[in-house]
């Protein structure tokens, strides 16, 4: 994200950030399927449970080599030197007065977004008592609108609206659509409610990063994106813990909490005069 923010035009960042999340979404589909096959010794006699890990190690080495050979430095003209402690010190930049409102909005929305991915499978199991096979079908189905959004829709919207506007409307839509999931009592209804919610999630996620990138100066891009990524990881971890605890109260509550967080984030963008895309 930092490299994209350094080198891409401002109008293209939402679309390019979307491609990053598209790659991640595809990896969540290809990874488990490929890993399962690589661990299946009925396909190849020498496959073991360790084979997927060795394969990933080779892939990582190939990616590292490709980055070293073909990936250009995006800050060549800068005289700044990176230091190992910067990874920890830069977290303090979240309190920067000029950017902290963006960080707050993004953190709230990341709680909603990653909370959704954590809690909707729990809802399927607790509310409808679905088995692993059926839940896997719904997980694969949810990936379809995410791929469509990141591969096409985010780019279309980014050419017509500012990231702030996209974040605002997609967050509000995300909250409403997450809440709608728990209203019908039929399992069939999930095919009509999960997809639209996932589409709103996929539009909102890269737009959050683009909104922050446009608010930061050119010199701050790497630090801002790094701090944003740290918050994203923290929100992802926290949403899993909170979602599991809240699910113990009743099955629908985690999705309603995520919906409330999404609407809160959207309202923060809509009402915050200093939040500008």
C-alpha atoms as a PDB file:
ATOM      1  CA  UNK A   1       0.000   0.000   0.000  1.00  0.00           C
ATOM      2  CA  UNK A   2       2.852   2.368   0.774  1.00  0.00           C
ATOM      3  CA  UNK A   3       4.393   1.736  -2.645  1.00  0.00           C
ATOM      4  CA  UNK A   4       1.054   2.375  -4.367  1.00  0.00           C
ATOM      5  CA  UNK A   5       0.550   5.538  -2.329  1.00  0.00           C
ATOM      6  CA  UNK A   6       4.036   6.755  -3.312  1.00  0.00           C
ATOM      7  CA  UNK A   7       3.719   6.151  -7.028  1.00  0.00           C
ATOM      8  CA  UNK A   8       0.071   6.041  -8.071  1.00  0.00           C
ATOM      9  CA  UNK A   9      -2.091   9.055  -8.941  1.00  0.00           C
ATOM     10  CA  UNK A  10      -4.551   9.967  -6.214  1.00  0.00           C
ATOM     11  CA  UNK A  11      -7.528   9.117  -8.397  1.00  0.00           C
ATOM     12  CA  UNK A  12      -6.242   5.560  -8.922  1.00  0.00           C
ATOM     13  CA  UNK A  13      -5.431   4.573  -5.334  1.00  0.00           C
ATOM     14  CA  UNK A  14      -8.847   3.168  -4.386  1.00  0.00           C
ATOM     15  CA  UNK A  15      -8.810   0.891  -7.428  1.00  0.00           C
ATOM     16  CA  UNK A  16      -5.235  -0.280  -6.835  1.00  0.00           C
ATOM     17  CA  UNK A  17      -5.823  -0.855  -3.125  1.00  0.00           C
ATOM     18  CA  UNK A  18      -8.823  -2.905  -4.202  1.00  0.00           C
ATOM     19  CA  UNK A  19      -6.542  -5.145  -6.249  1.00  0.00           C
ATOM     20  CA  UNK A  20      -4.546  -5.891  -3.093  1.00  0.00           C
ATOM     21  CA  UNK A  21      -7.673  -7.072  -1.307  1.00  0.00           C
ATOM     22  CA  UNK A  22      -8.733  -8.957  -4.431  1.00  0.00           C
ATOM     23  CA  UNK A  23      -5.479 -10.920  -4.249  1.00  0.00           C
ATOM     24  CA  UNK A  24      -6.064 -11.623  -0.567  1.00  0.00           C
ATOM     25  CA  UNK A  25      -9.633 -12.773  -1.254  1.00  0.00           C
ATOM     26  CA  UNK A  26      -8.484 -15.128  -3.990  1.00  0.00           C
ATOM     27  CA  UNK A  27      -5.768 -16.464  -1.686  1.00  0.00           C
ATOM     28  CA  UNK A  28      -8.400 -17.364   0.914  1.00  0.00           C
ATOM     29  CA  UNK A  29     -10.111 -19.480  -1.740  1.00  0.00           C
ATOM     30  CA  UNK A  30      -7.083 -20.990  -3.492  1.00  0.00           C
ATOM     31  CA  UNK A  31      -5.013 -21.513  -0.328  1.00  0.00           C
ATOM     32  CA  UNK A  32      -7.298 -23.933   1.541  1.00  0.00           C
ATOM     33  CA  UNK A  33      -8.199 -25.822  -1.635  1.00  0.00           C
ATOM     34  CA  UNK A  34      -4.587 -26.141  -2.760  1.00  0.00           C
ATOM     35  CA  UNK A  35      -3.353 -26.898   0.742  1.00  0.00           C
ATOM     36  CA  UNK A  36      -5.897 -29.666   1.140  1.00  0.00           C
ATOM     37  CA  UNK A  37      -4.820 -31.293  -2.110  1.00  0.00           C
ATOM     38  CA  UNK A  38      -1.113 -31.000  -1.266  1.00  0.00           C
ATOM     39  CA  UNK A  39      -1.715 -32.808   2.021  1.00  0.00           C
ATOM     40  CA  UNK A  40      -3.687 -35.646   0.395  1.00  0.00           C
ATOM     41  CA  UNK A  41      -1.401 -38.660   0.012  1.00  0.00           C
ATOM     42  CA  UNK A  42      -4.056 -40.513  -1.981  1.00  0.00           C
ATOM     43  CA  UNK A  43      -3.267 -38.132  -4.848  1.00  0.00           C
ATOM     44  CA  UNK A  44       0.534 -38.402  -4.603  1.00  0.00           C
ATOM     45  CA  UNK A  45       2.191 -40.985  -2.384  1.00  0.00           C
ATOM     46  CA  UNK A  46       4.835 -38.645  -0.943  1.00  0.00           C
ATOM     47  CA  UNK A  47       2.412 -35.854   0.028  1.00  0.00           C
ATOM     48  CA  UNK A  48       2.214 -35.283   3.792  1.00  0.00           C
ATOM     49  CA  UNK A  49       0.718 -32.675   6.119  1.00  0.00           C
ATOM     50  CA  UNK A  50       4.031 -30.807   5.840  1.00  0.00           C
ATOM     51  CA  UNK A  51       3.877 -30.517   2.034  1.00  0.00           C
ATOM     52  CA  UNK A  52       1.677 -27.365   2.002  1.00  0.00           C
ATOM     53  CA  UNK A  53       4.115 -25.618   4.355  1.00  0.00           C
ATOM     54  CA  UNK A  54       7.130 -26.483   2.212  1.00  0.00           C
ATOM     55  CA  UNK A  55       5.237 -25.284  -0.865  1.00  0.00           C
ATOM     56  CA  UNK A  56       4.429 -21.974   0.809  1.00  0.00           C
ATOM     57  CA  UNK A  57       8.085 -21.591   1.819  1.00  0.00           C
ATOM     58  CA  UNK A  58       9.168 -22.002  -1.810  1.00  0.00           C
ATOM     59  CA  UNK A  59       6.517 -19.509  -2.936  1.00  0.00           C
ATOM     60  CA  UNK A  60       7.662 -16.968  -0.349  1.00  0.00           C
ATOM     61  CA  UNK A  61      11.273 -17.306  -1.487  1.00  0.00           C
ATOM     62  CA  UNK A  62      10.155 -16.812  -5.094  1.00  0.00           C
ATOM     63  CA  UNK A  63       8.171 -13.705  -4.135  1.00  0.00           C
ATOM     64  CA  UNK A  64      11.109 -12.313  -2.151  1.00  0.00           C
ATOM     65  CA  UNK A  65      13.417 -12.853  -5.123  1.00  0.00           C
ATOM     66  CA  UNK A  66      10.931 -11.178  -7.473  1.00  0.00           C
ATOM     67  CA  UNK A  67      10.638  -8.163  -5.164  1.00  0.00           C
ATOM     68  CA  UNK A  68      14.417  -7.763  -4.937  1.00  0.00           C
ATOM     69  CA  UNK A  69      14.928  -8.104  -8.693  1.00  0.00           C
ATOM     70  CA  UNK A  70      11.916  -6.335 -10.218  1.00  0.00           C
ATOM     71  CA  UNK A  71      10.266  -4.165  -7.569  1.00  0.00           C
ATOM     72  CA  UNK A  72      11.637  -0.599  -7.778  1.00  0.00           C
ATOM     73  CA  UNK A  73      12.234   1.631  -4.768  1.00  0.00           C
ATOM     74  CA  UNK A  74       9.422   4.181  -4.706  1.00  0.00           C
ATOM     75  CA  UNK A  75      11.300   6.698  -2.538  1.00  0.00           C
ATOM     76  CA  UNK A  76      14.621   6.920  -4.372  1.00  0.00           C
ATOM     77  CA  UNK A  77      14.905  10.669  -4.040  1.00  0.00           C
ATOM     78  CA  UNK A  78      14.451  10.604  -0.275  1.00  0.00           C
ATOM     79  CA  UNK A  79      17.395  11.096   2.068  1.00  0.00           C
ATOM     80  CA  UNK A  80      15.568   9.404   4.975  1.00  0.00           C
ATOM     81  CA  UNK A  81      17.055   6.220   6.393  1.00  0.00           C
ATOM     82  CA  UNK A  82      14.921   3.400   7.749  1.00  0.00           C
ATOM     83  CA  UNK A  83      15.605   2.125  11.255  1.00  0.00           C
ATOM     84  CA  UNK A  84      14.498  -1.092  12.911  1.00  0.00           C
ATOM     85  CA  UNK A  85      12.845   0.736  15.819  1.00  0.00           C
ATOM     86  CA  UNK A  86      10.678   2.738  13.414  1.00  0.00           C
ATOM     87  CA  UNK A  87       8.246  -0.171  13.222  1.00  0.00           C
ATOM     88  CA  UNK A  88       7.377   0.457  16.877  1.00  0.00           C
ATOM     89  CA  UNK A  89       7.839   4.216  17.032  1.00  0.00           C
ATOM     90  CA  UNK A  90       5.576   4.811  14.032  1.00  0.00           C
ATOM     91  CA  UNK A  91       2.594   3.447  15.937  1.00  0.00           C
ATOM     92  CA  UNK A  92       2.728   6.658  17.938  1.00  0.00           C
ATOM     93  CA  UNK A  93       1.793   8.543  14.769  1.00  0.00           C
ATOM     94  CA  UNK A  94      -1.753   7.268  15.191  1.00  0.00           C
ATOM     95  CA  UNK A  95      -2.164  10.115  17.689  1.00  0.00           C
ATOM     96  CA  UNK A  96      -1.157  12.714  15.070  1.00  0.00           C
ATOM     97  CA  UNK A  97      -3.794  15.458  15.350  1.00  0.00           C
ATOM     98  CA  UNK A  98      -4.158  15.837  11.611  1.00  0.00           C
ATOM     99  CA  UNK A  99      -4.711  12.145  10.904  1.00  0.00           C
ATOM    100  CA  UNK A 100      -6.111  10.675  14.103  1.00  0.00           C
ATOM    101  CA  UNK A 101      -9.732  11.174  13.042  1.00  0.00           C
ATOM    102  CA  UNK A 102      -9.024   9.068   9.958  1.00  0.00           C
ATOM    103  CA  UNK A 103      -7.383   6.402  12.091  1.00  0.00           C
ATOM    104  CA  UNK A 104     -10.395   6.373  14.422  1.00  0.00           C
ATOM    105  CA  UNK A 105     -12.849   6.011  11.545  1.00  0.00           C
ATOM    106  CA  UNK A 106     -10.786   3.255   9.943  1.00  0.00           C
ATOM    107  CA  UNK A 107     -10.387   1.351  13.207  1.00  0.00           C
ATOM    108  CA  UNK A 108     -14.139   1.389  13.868  1.00  0.00           C
ATOM    109  CA  UNK A 109     -14.859   0.254  10.320  1.00  0.00           C
ATOM    110  CA  UNK A 110     -12.173  -2.426  10.443  1.00  0.00           C
ATOM    111  CA  UNK A 111     -13.838  -3.802  13.582  1.00  0.00           C
ATOM    112  CA  UNK A 112     -17.085  -4.049  11.626  1.00  0.00           C
ATOM    113  CA  UNK A 113     -15.497  -5.466   8.475  1.00  0.00           C
ATOM    114  CA  UNK A 114     -13.308  -8.141  10.020  1.00  0.00           C
ATOM    115  CA  UNK A 115     -15.932  -8.802  12.660  1.00  0.00           C
ATOM    116  CA  UNK A 116     -18.323  -9.678   9.831  1.00  0.00           C
ATOM    117  CA  UNK A 117     -15.916 -12.264   8.433  1.00  0.00           C
ATOM    118  CA  UNK A 118     -15.414 -13.729  11.913  1.00  0.00           C
ATOM    119  CA  UNK A 119     -19.006 -13.874  13.126  1.00  0.00           C
ATOM    120  CA  UNK A 120     -21.235 -14.702  10.182  1.00  0.00           C
ATOM    121  CA  UNK A 121     -19.981 -18.349  10.037  1.00  0.00           C
ATOM    122  CA  UNK A 122     -20.717 -18.612  13.778  1.00  0.00           C
ATOM    123  CA  UNK A 123     -24.203 -17.280  13.094  1.00  0.00           C
ATOM    124  CA  UNK A 124     -24.758 -19.903  10.393  1.00  0.00           C
ATOM    125  CA  UNK A 125     -23.811 -22.673  12.800  1.00  0.00           C
ATOM    126  CA  UNK A 126     -25.549 -21.357  15.928  1.00  0.00           C
ATOM    127  CA  UNK A 127     -28.767 -20.202  14.259  1.00  0.00           C
ATOM    128  CA  UNK A 128     -29.251 -22.783  11.498  1.00  0.00           C
ATOM    129  CA  UNK A 129     -27.033 -25.654  12.763  1.00  0.00           C
ATOM    130  CA  UNK A 130     -25.313 -25.965   9.403  1.00  0.00           C
ATOM    131  CA  UNK A 131     -22.545 -28.478   8.817  1.00  0.00           C
ATOM    132  CA  UNK A 132     -19.031 -27.782   7.627  1.00  0.00           C
ATOM    133  CA  UNK A 133     -19.865 -28.499   3.997  1.00  0.00           C
ATOM    134  CA  UNK A 134     -22.787 -26.076   3.850  1.00  0.00           C
ATOM    135  CA  UNK A 135     -20.884 -23.361   5.719  1.00  0.00           C
ATOM    136  CA  UNK A 136     -18.025 -23.764   3.229  1.00  0.00           C
ATOM    137  CA  UNK A 137     -20.485 -23.215   0.386  1.00  0.00           C
ATOM    138  CA  UNK A 138     -21.639 -19.954   1.947  1.00  0.00           C
ATOM    139  CA  UNK A 139     -18.029 -18.859   2.520  1.00  0.00           C
ATOM    140  CA  UNK A 140     -17.262 -19.482  -1.154  1.00  0.00           C
ATOM    141  CA  UNK A 141     -20.440 -17.631  -2.134  1.00  0.00           C
ATOM    142  CA  UNK A 142     -19.466 -14.592  -0.049  1.00  0.00           C
ATOM    143  CA  UNK A 143     -16.135 -14.465  -1.901  1.00  0.00           C
ATOM    144  CA  UNK A 144     -17.904 -13.890  -5.251  1.00  0.00           C
ATOM    145  CA  UNK A 145     -19.172 -10.322  -4.617  1.00  0.00           C
ATOM    146  CA  UNK A 146     -15.845  -9.497  -2.964  1.00  0.00           C
ATOM    147  CA  UNK A 147     -13.963 -10.479  -6.118  1.00  0.00           C
ATOM    148  CA  UNK A 148     -16.433  -8.534  -8.283  1.00  0.00           C
ATOM    149  CA  UNK A 149     -16.145  -5.437  -6.100  1.00  0.00           C
ATOM    150  CA  UNK A 150     -12.355  -5.386  -5.909  1.00  0.00           C
ATOM    151  CA  UNK A 151     -11.833  -6.382  -9.518  1.00  0.00           C
ATOM    152  CA  UNK A 152     -14.299  -3.934 -11.064  1.00  0.00           C
ATOM    153  CA  UNK A 153     -16.767  -1.990  -8.896  1.00  0.00           C
ATOM    154  CA  UNK A 154     -14.246  -0.153  -6.692  1.00  0.00           C
ATOM    155  CA  UNK A 155     -12.480   1.168  -9.797  1.00  0.00           C
ATOM    156  CA  UNK A 156     -15.757   2.382 -11.294  1.00  0.00           C
ATOM    157  CA  UNK A 157     -16.829   4.132  -8.091  1.00  0.00           C
ATOM    158  CA  UNK A 158     -13.409   5.711  -7.518  1.00  0.00           C
ATOM    159  CA  UNK A 159     -13.660   7.459 -10.890  1.00  0.00           C
ATOM    160  CA  UNK A 160     -16.988   8.992  -9.911  1.00  0.00           C
ATOM    161  CA  UNK A 161     -16.656   9.832  -6.210  1.00  0.00           C
ATOM    162  CA  UNK A 162     -14.068  10.714  -3.577  1.00  0.00           C
ATOM    163  CA  UNK A 163     -12.916   8.011  -1.155  1.00  0.00           C
ATOM    164  CA  UNK A 164     -14.612   9.870   1.701  1.00  0.00           C
ATOM    165  CA  UNK A 165     -17.971   9.654  -0.075  1.00  0.00           C
ATOM    166  CA  UNK A 166     -17.483   5.988  -0.937  1.00  0.00           C
ATOM    167  CA  UNK A 167     -16.532   5.160   2.659  1.00  0.00           C
ATOM    168  CA  UNK A 168     -19.529   7.035   4.049  1.00  0.00           C
ATOM    169  CA  UNK A 169     -22.174   5.404   1.874  1.00  0.00           C
ATOM    170  CA  UNK A 170     -20.634   1.920   1.808  1.00  0.00           C
ATOM    171  CA  UNK A 171     -20.258   1.922   5.612  1.00  0.00           C
ATOM    172  CA  UNK A 172     -23.884   2.923   6.145  1.00  0.00           C
ATOM    173  CA  UNK A 173     -25.028   0.343   3.594  1.00  0.00           C
ATOM    174  CA  UNK A 174     -22.795  -2.242   5.230  1.00  0.00           C
ATOM    175  CA  UNK A 175     -24.397  -1.624   8.624  1.00  0.00           C
ATOM    176  CA  UNK A 176     -27.949  -1.883   7.320  1.00  0.00           C
ATOM    177  CA  UNK A 177     -27.218  -5.003   5.258  1.00  0.00           C
ATOM    178  CA  UNK A 178     -25.462  -6.751   8.154  1.00  0.00           C
ATOM    179  CA  UNK A 179     -28.490  -6.128  10.356  1.00  0.00           C
ATOM    180  CA  UNK A 180     -30.814  -7.448   7.647  1.00  0.00           C
ATOM    181  CA  UNK A 181     -29.005 -10.817   7.717  1.00  0.00           C
ATOM    182  CA  UNK A 182     -30.496 -11.686  11.116  1.00  0.00           C
ATOM    183  CA  UNK A 183     -34.089 -10.684  10.250  1.00  0.00           C
ATOM    184  CA  UNK A 184     -35.284 -13.633   8.089  1.00  0.00           C
ATOM    185  CA  UNK A 185     -35.649 -17.004   9.762  1.00  0.00           C
ATOM    186  CA  UNK A 186     -35.109 -19.093   6.634  1.00  0.00           C
ATOM    187  CA  UNK A 187     -31.788 -20.609   5.609  1.00  0.00           C
ATOM    188  CA  UNK A 188     -32.632 -19.879   1.969  1.00  0.00           C
ATOM    189  CA  UNK A 189     -32.719 -16.149   2.752  1.00  0.00           C
ATOM    190  CA  UNK A 190     -28.983 -16.231   3.466  1.00  0.00           C
ATOM    191  CA  UNK A 191     -28.318 -16.504  -0.269  1.00  0.00           C
ATOM    192  CA  UNK A 192     -29.967 -13.101  -0.662  1.00  0.00           C
ATOM    193  CA  UNK A 193     -28.605 -11.309   2.424  1.00  0.00           C
ATOM    194  CA  UNK A 194     -24.951 -12.365   2.746  1.00  0.00           C
ATOM    195  CA  UNK A 195     -23.958 -11.350  -0.792  1.00  0.00           C
ATOM    196  CA  UNK A 196     -25.046  -7.678  -0.644  1.00  0.00           C
ATOM    197  CA  UNK A 197     -23.416  -7.263   2.776  1.00  0.00           C
ATOM    198  CA  UNK A 198     -20.155  -8.725   1.456  1.00  0.00           C
ATOM    199  CA  UNK A 199     -20.307  -6.388  -1.556  1.00  0.00           C
ATOM    200  CA  UNK A 200     -20.573  -3.329   0.709  1.00  0.00           C
ATOM    201  CA  UNK A 201     -17.712  -4.650   2.849  1.00  0.00           C
ATOM    202  CA  UNK A 202     -15.502  -5.120  -0.214  1.00  0.00           C
ATOM    203  CA  UNK A 203     -16.171  -1.568  -1.416  1.00  0.00           C
ATOM    204  CA  UNK A 204     -15.535  -0.015   1.994  1.00  0.00           C
ATOM    205  CA  UNK A 205     -12.253  -1.758   2.852  1.00  0.00           C
ATOM    206  CA  UNK A 206      -9.920  -0.350   0.141  1.00  0.00           C
ATOM    207  CA  UNK A 207     -11.685   3.013   0.269  1.00  0.00           C
ATOM    208  CA  UNK A 208     -10.695   3.392   3.935  1.00  0.00           C
ATOM    209  CA  UNK A 209      -7.028   3.053   3.002  1.00  0.00           C
ATOM    210  CA  UNK A 210      -7.443   5.457   0.073  1.00  0.00           C
ATOM    211  CA  UNK A 211      -9.131   8.055   2.302  1.00  0.00           C
ATOM    212  CA  UNK A 212      -6.218   7.976   4.742  1.00  0.00           C
ATOM    213  CA  UNK A 213      -3.642   8.031   1.938  1.00  0.00           C
ATOM    214  CA  UNK A 214      -5.151  11.180   0.437  1.00  0.00           C
ATOM    215  CA  UNK A 215      -5.143  12.886   3.836  1.00  0.00           C
ATOM    216  CA  UNK A 216      -1.443  12.170   4.453  1.00  0.00           C
ATOM    217  CA  UNK A 217       1.342  14.154   2.814  1.00  0.00           C
ATOM    218  CA  UNK A 218       3.637  12.564   0.236  1.00  0.00           C
ATOM    219  CA  UNK A 219       6.391  12.132   2.842  1.00  0.00           C
ATOM    220  CA  UNK A 220       4.010  10.379   5.247  1.00  0.00           C
ATOM    221  CA  UNK A 221       2.585   7.776   2.883  1.00  0.00           C
ATOM    222  CA  UNK A 222       4.665   4.803   4.026  1.00  0.00           C
ATOM    223  CA  UNK A 223       4.242   5.580   7.721  1.00  0.00           C
ATOM    224  CA  UNK A 224       0.528   6.266   7.387  1.00  0.00           C
ATOM    225  CA  UNK A 225      -0.131   3.057   5.477  1.00  0.00           C
ATOM    226  CA  UNK A 226       2.021   1.067   7.904  1.00  0.00           C
ATOM    227  CA  UNK A 227       0.167   2.435  10.923  1.00  0.00           C
ATOM    228  CA  UNK A 228      -3.127   1.763   9.174  1.00  0.00           C
ATOM    229  CA  UNK A 229      -2.087  -1.829   8.534  1.00  0.00           C
ATOM    230  CA  UNK A 230      -1.182  -2.231  12.214  1.00  0.00           C
ATOM    231  CA  UNK A 231      -4.627  -1.001  13.199  1.00  0.00           C
ATOM    232  CA  UNK A 232      -6.191  -3.357  10.702  1.00  0.00           C
ATOM    233  CA  UNK A 233      -4.413  -6.350  12.233  1.00  0.00           C
ATOM    234  CA  UNK A 234      -5.361  -5.197  15.735  1.00  0.00           C
ATOM    235  CA  UNK A 235      -9.007  -4.764  14.763  1.00  0.00           C
ATOM    236  CA  UNK A 236      -9.011  -8.184  13.121  1.00  0.00           C
ATOM    237  CA  UNK A 237      -7.737  -9.829  16.313  1.00  0.00           C
ATOM    238  CA  UNK A 238     -10.029  -7.850  18.609  1.00  0.00           C
ATOM    239  CA  UNK A 239     -13.116  -8.525  16.502  1.00  0.00           C
ATOM    240  CA  UNK A 240     -12.591 -12.274  16.821  1.00  0.00           C
ATOM    241  CA  UNK A 241     -12.292 -12.130  20.603  1.00  0.00           C
ATOM    242  CA  UNK A 242     -15.254  -9.787  21.050  1.00  0.00           C
ATOM    243  CA  UNK A 243     -17.384 -11.638  18.503  1.00  0.00           C
ATOM    244  CA  UNK A 244     -16.892 -14.964  20.233  1.00  0.00           C
ATOM    245  CA  UNK A 245     -17.750 -13.527  23.634  1.00  0.00           C
ATOM    246  CA  UNK A 246     -20.827 -11.675  22.407  1.00  0.00           C
ATOM    247  CA  UNK A 247     -22.087 -14.777  20.566  1.00  0.00           C
ATOM    248  CA  UNK A 248     -22.461 -16.480  23.945  1.00  0.00           C
ATOM    249  CA  UNK A 249     -25.325 -14.071  24.743  1.00  0.00           C
ATOM    250  CA  UNK A 250     -27.392 -14.838  21.634  1.00  0.00           C
ATOM    251  CA  UNK A 251     -26.500 -15.827  18.085  1.00  0.00           C
ATOM    252  CA  UNK A 252     -27.665 -12.667  16.317  1.00  0.00           C
ATOM    253  CA  UNK A 253     -25.887 -10.180  18.583  1.00  0.00           C
ATOM    254  CA  UNK A 254     -22.376 -10.269  16.999  1.00  0.00           C
ATOM    255  CA  UNK A 255     -23.743  -9.310  13.574  1.00  0.00           C
ATOM    256  CA  UNK A 256     -25.819  -6.539  15.146  1.00  0.00           C
ATOM    257  CA  UNK A 257     -22.741  -5.217  16.961  1.00  0.00           C
ATOM    258  CA  UNK A 258     -20.805  -5.214  13.677  1.00  0.00           C
ATOM    259  CA  UNK A 259     -23.719  -3.417  12.029  1.00  0.00           C
ATOM    260  CA  UNK A 260     -23.708  -0.774  14.761  1.00  0.00           C
ATOM    261  CA  UNK A 261     -19.942  -0.283  14.366  1.00  0.00           C
ATOM    262  CA  UNK A 262     -20.312   0.128  10.588  1.00  0.00           C
ATOM    263  CA  UNK A 263     -23.080   2.707  10.943  1.00  0.00           C
ATOM    264  CA  UNK A 264     -21.066   4.549  13.610  1.00  0.00           C
ATOM    265  CA  UNK A 265     -18.065   4.698  11.282  1.00  0.00           C
ATOM    266  CA  UNK A 266     -20.201   5.960   8.421  1.00  0.00           C
ATOM    267  CA  UNK A 267     -21.722   8.666  10.617  1.00  0.00           C
ATOM    268  CA  UNK A 268     -18.264   9.718  11.812  1.00  0.00           C
ATOM    269  CA  UNK A 269     -17.283  10.305   8.199  1.00  0.00           C
ATOM    270  CA  UNK A 270     -20.532  12.071   7.353  1.00  0.00           C
ATOM    271  CA  UNK A 271     -20.469  14.366  10.377  1.00  0.00           C
ATOM    272  CA  UNK A 272     -16.727  14.967  10.684  1.00  0.00           C
ATOM    273  CA  UNK A 273     -15.849  18.211   8.915  1.00  0.00           C
ATOM    274  CA  UNK A 274     -12.134  17.427   8.987  1.00  0.00           C
ATOM    275  CA  UNK A 275     -12.521  14.016   7.363  1.00  0.00           C
ATOM    276  CA  UNK A 276     -11.935  14.751   3.707  1.00  0.00           C
ATOM    277  CA  UNK A 277     -11.157  12.369   0.853  1.00  0.00           C
END
